[in-house]
Protein backbone atom coordinates (compact mmCIF):
# COMPACT_ATOMS: atom_id res chain seq x y z
CA MET A 1 217.21 -14.53 -15.48
CA GLU A 2 214.81 -15.33 -12.66
CA GLN A 3 215.13 -13.48 -9.34
CA TRP A 4 217.56 -15.40 -7.11
CA GLU A 5 216.27 -16.20 -3.65
CA ASN A 6 218.38 -14.08 -1.30
CA LYS A 7 219.24 -15.20 2.22
CA MET A 8 220.48 -12.92 4.94
CA TYR A 9 223.17 -13.80 7.42
CA SER A 10 224.77 -12.32 10.46
CA PHE A 11 228.13 -10.77 9.65
CA LYS A 12 231.14 -10.86 11.95
CA ASP A 13 233.04 -7.69 11.14
CA THR A 14 236.46 -9.06 12.00
CA THR A 15 239.81 -8.62 10.33
CA VAL A 16 241.74 -11.87 10.12
CA ASN A 17 245.51 -11.85 9.89
CA LYS A 18 246.66 -14.70 7.69
CA LYS A 19 249.62 -15.14 10.05
CA SER A 20 247.54 -15.14 13.24
CA SER A 21 247.20 -18.93 13.47
CA LYS A 22 249.20 -20.79 16.09
CA ARG A 23 250.71 -23.12 13.51
CA PHE A 24 251.41 -23.56 9.81
CA LEU A 25 248.21 -23.51 7.79
CA PRO A 26 247.68 -25.31 4.48
CA THR A 27 246.59 -23.08 1.62
CA SER A 28 243.04 -24.43 1.71
CA ALA A 29 242.66 -24.51 5.51
CA MET A 30 239.03 -23.92 6.46
CA MET A 31 237.89 -21.40 9.05
CA TYR A 32 234.63 -22.81 10.42
CA ASP A 33 232.56 -20.40 12.52
CA GLY A 34 235.60 -18.25 13.20
CA MET A 35 238.15 -20.97 13.99
CA TYR A 36 240.67 -22.87 11.92
CA LEU A 37 240.27 -26.60 12.50
CA GLU A 38 244.08 -26.85 12.58
CA ASP A 39 243.99 -24.65 15.70
CA LEU A 40 241.11 -26.58 17.23
CA ILE A 41 242.66 -30.05 17.08
CA ASP A 42 246.35 -30.89 17.32
CA GLY A 43 247.25 -33.26 14.50
CA TYR A 44 244.51 -32.08 12.12
CA GLN A 45 245.48 -30.85 8.65
CA THR A 46 243.38 -29.90 5.64
CA LEU A 47 244.50 -31.69 2.48
CA THR A 48 242.11 -30.56 -0.26
CA VAL A 49 238.75 -28.83 -0.67
CA GLU A 50 236.40 -29.58 -3.56
CA GLY A 51 233.32 -27.58 -4.46
CA ARG A 52 234.60 -24.03 -4.54
CA GLU A 53 234.90 -24.11 -8.30
CA MET A 54 232.51 -22.53 -10.79
CA LEU A 55 228.95 -23.83 -10.45
CA SER A 56 226.92 -25.15 -13.36
CA VAL A 57 223.65 -23.35 -14.05
CA GLU A 58 220.48 -25.44 -14.24
CA ILE A 59 218.27 -24.49 -17.19
CA GLU A 60 214.64 -25.41 -17.76
CA GLN A 61 213.62 -25.30 -21.39
CA GLN A 62 210.70 -25.90 -23.68
CA GLU A 63 211.35 -27.36 -27.10
CA ILE A 64 210.02 -25.49 -30.09
CA GLN A 65 210.18 -26.18 -33.82
CA VAL A 66 213.70 -24.82 -34.03
CA GLY A 67 215.72 -25.22 -30.86
CA SER A 68 214.11 -24.38 -27.52
CA ILE A 69 212.97 -21.54 -25.26
CA ILE A 70 214.60 -21.13 -21.84
CA THR A 71 211.79 -20.88 -19.28
CA ASN A 72 213.82 -20.71 -16.08
CA GLN A 73 217.42 -20.58 -14.87
CA THR A 74 218.55 -21.50 -11.37
CA LEU A 75 221.73 -22.09 -9.40
CA PRO A 76 221.97 -25.40 -7.52
CA SER A 77 223.07 -25.60 -3.90
CA ARG A 78 226.77 -26.11 -3.24
CA SER A 79 228.58 -28.97 -1.44
CA LEU A 80 232.11 -28.54 -0.12
CA LYS A 81 234.07 -31.76 0.33
CA VAL A 82 236.98 -31.33 2.75
CA SER A 83 239.68 -34.02 2.74
CA TYR A 84 241.89 -34.03 5.81
CA LYS A 85 244.52 -35.89 7.77
CA LEU A 86 244.20 -36.53 11.50
CA GLU A 87 246.87 -38.28 13.51
CA ASP A 88 248.00 -39.17 17.02
CA ARG A 89 250.43 -41.77 18.30
CA ASN A 90 247.71 -43.17 20.54
CA PRO A 91 244.76 -44.71 18.59
CA GLU A 92 242.36 -44.05 21.50
CA LYS A 93 243.34 -40.36 21.60
CA LEU A 94 242.94 -40.25 17.85
CA GLN A 95 239.33 -41.47 18.16
CA PHE A 96 238.71 -38.81 20.79
CA LYS A 97 240.07 -36.15 18.40
CA PHE A 98 237.80 -37.45 15.66
CA LYS A 99 234.76 -37.13 17.92
CA THR A 100 235.89 -33.64 18.92
CA LEU A 101 236.05 -32.70 15.24
CA LEU A 102 232.54 -34.01 14.52
CA ASN A 103 231.10 -32.35 17.64
CA TYR A 104 232.51 -29.00 16.54
CA LEU A 105 231.31 -29.40 12.96
CA TYR A 106 227.73 -30.32 13.91
CA ARG A 107 225.39 -27.31 13.79
CA THR A 108 221.65 -26.76 13.56
CA LYS A 109 221.94 -23.65 11.38
CA ASP A 110 224.24 -22.33 8.68
CA ILE A 111 227.44 -20.73 9.91
CA GLU A 112 230.17 -18.63 8.35
CA ILE A 113 232.90 -20.49 6.44
CA ARG A 114 236.12 -19.05 5.01
CA PHE A 115 239.31 -20.41 3.50
CA HIS A 116 242.90 -19.42 4.14
CA ASP A 117 243.54 -18.65 0.48
CA GLU A 118 240.25 -16.76 0.04
CA LEU A 119 239.75 -14.78 3.25
CA ASP A 120 237.83 -11.98 1.56
CA TYR A 121 234.94 -14.31 0.72
CA TYR A 122 232.36 -15.90 3.01
CA TYR A 123 230.37 -19.09 2.44
CA TYR A 124 227.42 -20.15 4.60
CA GLY A 125 226.61 -23.78 5.28
CA ARG A 126 226.70 -26.64 7.78
CA TYR A 127 228.25 -30.06 8.21
CA THR A 128 226.22 -32.95 6.75
CA THR A 129 228.23 -36.17 6.28
CA ALA A 130 231.58 -37.77 7.13
CA ASP A 131 233.34 -40.85 5.80
CA THR A 132 233.86 -43.72 8.25
CA VAL A 133 237.33 -44.11 9.72
CA PRO A 134 239.20 -47.14 11.09
CA GLY A 135 239.25 -47.53 14.87
CA ASP A 136 242.70 -49.10 15.14
CA SER A 137 244.91 -46.59 13.35
CA ASN A 138 247.07 -43.72 14.54
CA SER A 139 246.70 -41.80 11.26
CA ILE A 140 243.44 -41.06 9.42
CA ILE A 141 242.97 -39.69 5.92
CA SER A 142 239.28 -39.07 5.35
CA SER A 143 236.75 -36.41 4.36
CA PHE A 144 233.54 -34.69 5.39
CA THR A 145 230.97 -32.61 3.51
CA ILE A 146 229.63 -29.11 4.14
CA PHE A 147 226.24 -28.37 2.54
CA CYS A 148 225.59 -24.81 1.39
CA SER A 149 221.91 -24.40 0.51
CA ASP A 150 222.87 -20.90 -0.65
CA PRO A 151 225.60 -21.44 -3.28
CA LEU A 152 226.77 -17.82 -3.35
CA LYS A 153 229.89 -16.51 -1.70
CA TYR A 154 229.82 -13.06 -0.13
CA THR A 155 232.29 -10.21 0.19
CA ARG A 156 233.17 -8.19 3.25
CA GLU A 157 230.57 -5.67 4.35
CA VAL A 158 230.51 -2.36 2.48
CA VAL A 159 229.08 0.91 3.80
CA SER A 160 227.80 3.34 1.17
CA GLU A 161 226.05 6.69 1.23
CA GLY A 162 223.74 5.36 -1.46
CA TYR A 163 225.67 4.29 -4.55
CA ILE A 164 226.04 0.51 -4.99
CA GLY A 165 229.42 0.44 -6.65
CA ASN A 166 230.93 -2.81 -5.41
CA PHE A 167 230.54 -5.97 -7.44
CA VAL A 168 227.06 -7.46 -7.00
CA GLN A 169 226.48 -10.30 -9.44
CA PHE A 170 222.98 -11.05 -8.12
CA PRO A 171 220.27 -8.92 -6.49
CA ILE A 172 220.91 -8.92 -2.72
CA THR A 173 219.17 -7.71 0.40
CA PRO A 174 221.02 -4.99 2.34
CA ARG A 175 221.86 -5.79 5.93
CA LYS A 176 220.54 -2.44 7.11
CA ILE A 177 219.92 1.15 6.05
CA GLU A 178 220.50 3.95 8.53
CA ALA A 179 218.81 7.35 8.10
CA ASN A 180 219.33 10.58 10.03
CA LEU A 181 216.20 12.68 9.53
CA SER A 182 216.23 16.34 8.55
CA SER A 183 212.43 16.85 8.76
CA ASP A 184 209.37 15.43 10.51
CA ASN A 185 206.63 12.84 9.91
CA SER A 186 207.67 10.85 6.82
CA ILE A 187 210.48 9.31 4.78
CA LYS A 188 210.82 7.51 1.45
CA ILE A 189 213.84 5.47 0.44
CA THR A 190 214.00 4.08 -3.08
CA ASN A 191 216.34 2.17 -5.36
CA GLY A 192 214.41 3.24 -8.44
CA MET A 193 212.27 0.09 -8.46
CA GLN A 194 211.19 -0.58 -4.87
CA THR A 195 210.35 2.00 -2.21
CA ILE A 196 210.38 1.85 1.58
CA SER A 197 208.07 4.46 3.07
CA ILE A 198 206.79 5.83 6.37
CA THR A 199 203.96 8.38 6.31
CA ASP A 200 202.41 10.61 9.00
CA ALA A 201 204.34 8.96 11.84
CA ASP A 202 205.72 10.28 15.11
CA ILE A 203 209.22 10.81 13.77
CA LYS A 204 211.05 14.12 13.72
CA ALA A 205 214.17 15.89 12.53
CA GLY A 206 217.25 14.61 14.31
CA ASP A 207 215.85 11.12 14.83
CA SER A 208 217.96 8.12 13.88
CA LEU A 209 216.12 5.40 11.92
CA VAL A 210 217.49 1.94 11.25
CA PHE A 211 215.82 -0.34 8.73
CA ASP A 212 217.12 -3.72 9.88
CA PHE A 213 216.50 -6.23 7.10
CA MET A 214 217.93 -9.19 9.02
CA GLU A 215 215.53 -8.80 11.93
CA GLU A 216 212.78 -7.24 9.78
CA GLN A 217 212.54 -4.31 12.17
CA VAL A 218 212.46 -0.53 12.02
CA LEU A 219 214.19 1.14 14.95
CA VAL A 220 213.68 4.79 15.89
CA ASN A 221 216.44 5.99 18.22
CA GLY A 222 217.00 2.35 19.17
CA GLU A 223 213.32 1.60 19.90
CA ASN A 224 211.41 -0.98 17.87
CA ARG A 225 208.82 0.96 15.88
CA THR A 226 208.25 -1.47 13.01
CA SER A 227 204.50 -0.79 13.00
CA ILE A 228 205.00 2.73 11.59
CA ILE A 229 206.14 1.47 8.19
CA ASP A 230 203.53 1.79 5.44
CA LEU A 231 201.68 -1.45 4.61
CA GLU A 232 202.34 -1.01 0.88
CA SER A 233 206.05 -0.46 1.51
CA ASP A 234 208.60 -2.73 -0.19
CA PHE A 235 210.50 -3.38 3.03
CA GLU A 236 210.35 -7.18 2.67
CA ASN A 237 211.41 -7.25 -0.98
CA PHE A 238 213.91 -4.41 -1.20
CA TYR A 239 216.93 -5.54 -3.26
CA LEU A 240 220.20 -3.97 -4.29
CA GLU A 241 221.87 -4.27 -7.68
CA GLN A 242 225.21 -2.99 -8.88
CA GLY A 243 225.07 0.56 -10.21
CA GLN A 244 221.95 1.56 -8.28
CA LYS A 245 221.69 4.82 -6.38
CA ILE A 246 219.68 4.48 -3.17
CA VAL A 247 218.13 7.85 -2.31
CA SER A 248 216.07 9.26 0.53
CA ASP A 249 213.72 12.25 0.53
CA ASN A 250 214.51 12.96 4.18
CA GLY A 251 218.04 13.38 5.51
CA LYS A 252 221.18 11.34 4.86
CA ILE A 253 221.41 7.57 4.64
CA LYS A 254 224.03 4.84 4.93
CA VAL A 255 223.56 1.47 3.24
CA PHE A 256 225.26 -1.62 4.71
CA TYR A 257 225.58 -4.52 2.27
CA ARG A 258 227.80 -7.27 0.94
CA GLY A 259 228.53 -8.24 -2.64
CA ALA A 260 227.67 -11.73 -3.86
CA THR A 261 229.14 -13.93 -6.58
CA ILE A 262 229.40 -17.59 -7.58
């Protein structure tokens, strides 16, 4: 299988209580950028969500004399169609609520999306389209679409001392690796295939190093020292796979990552 393109996202390390909402939540209620839409707008209710099911794999093939040869395999992007009901006794107020909904949904970058019946998984996407609604009704049943260019769903963040034991269906980029040095000048961190290295640098025992893959930075005691990383280092293409052991030749490390699945 071809290497999946991996995208990195900010992670809000929050614990959500399924009973924390102000009101009754439908099973498939959507949390959009940290807020249930039912809590945002009085009279809003999620009805159904389509698109969370198993994705079909797209296969490129070349025909041969008997059968064919698979030349590439990819996962398509994902679209989530959310059907909802929105109501108010006053049609004008209802139109205002509809505009409030669209204003909240509109984003210029992907945001975190979760569902009430699947709170341990995180999707990333943004609002794209909405069905038209009548302007003279006090009750709307309609739908809108969330586009997820990255079709994967992610688990909560895991912190490991090196072993990647949680389920990782696809190669993923760690969020960060922290290292507490036990000696001076250099460090190598490897997953057995790629290696991140720093050689003959002004680093010493006791220093705290953070390899921040989201910001593509190396911090030494909180200071940006990205320039000390070796040019041939695999910092930009360092991936994790299930069952790997991430090891360092200098001090102890902690690996921060999230599992990914379809």
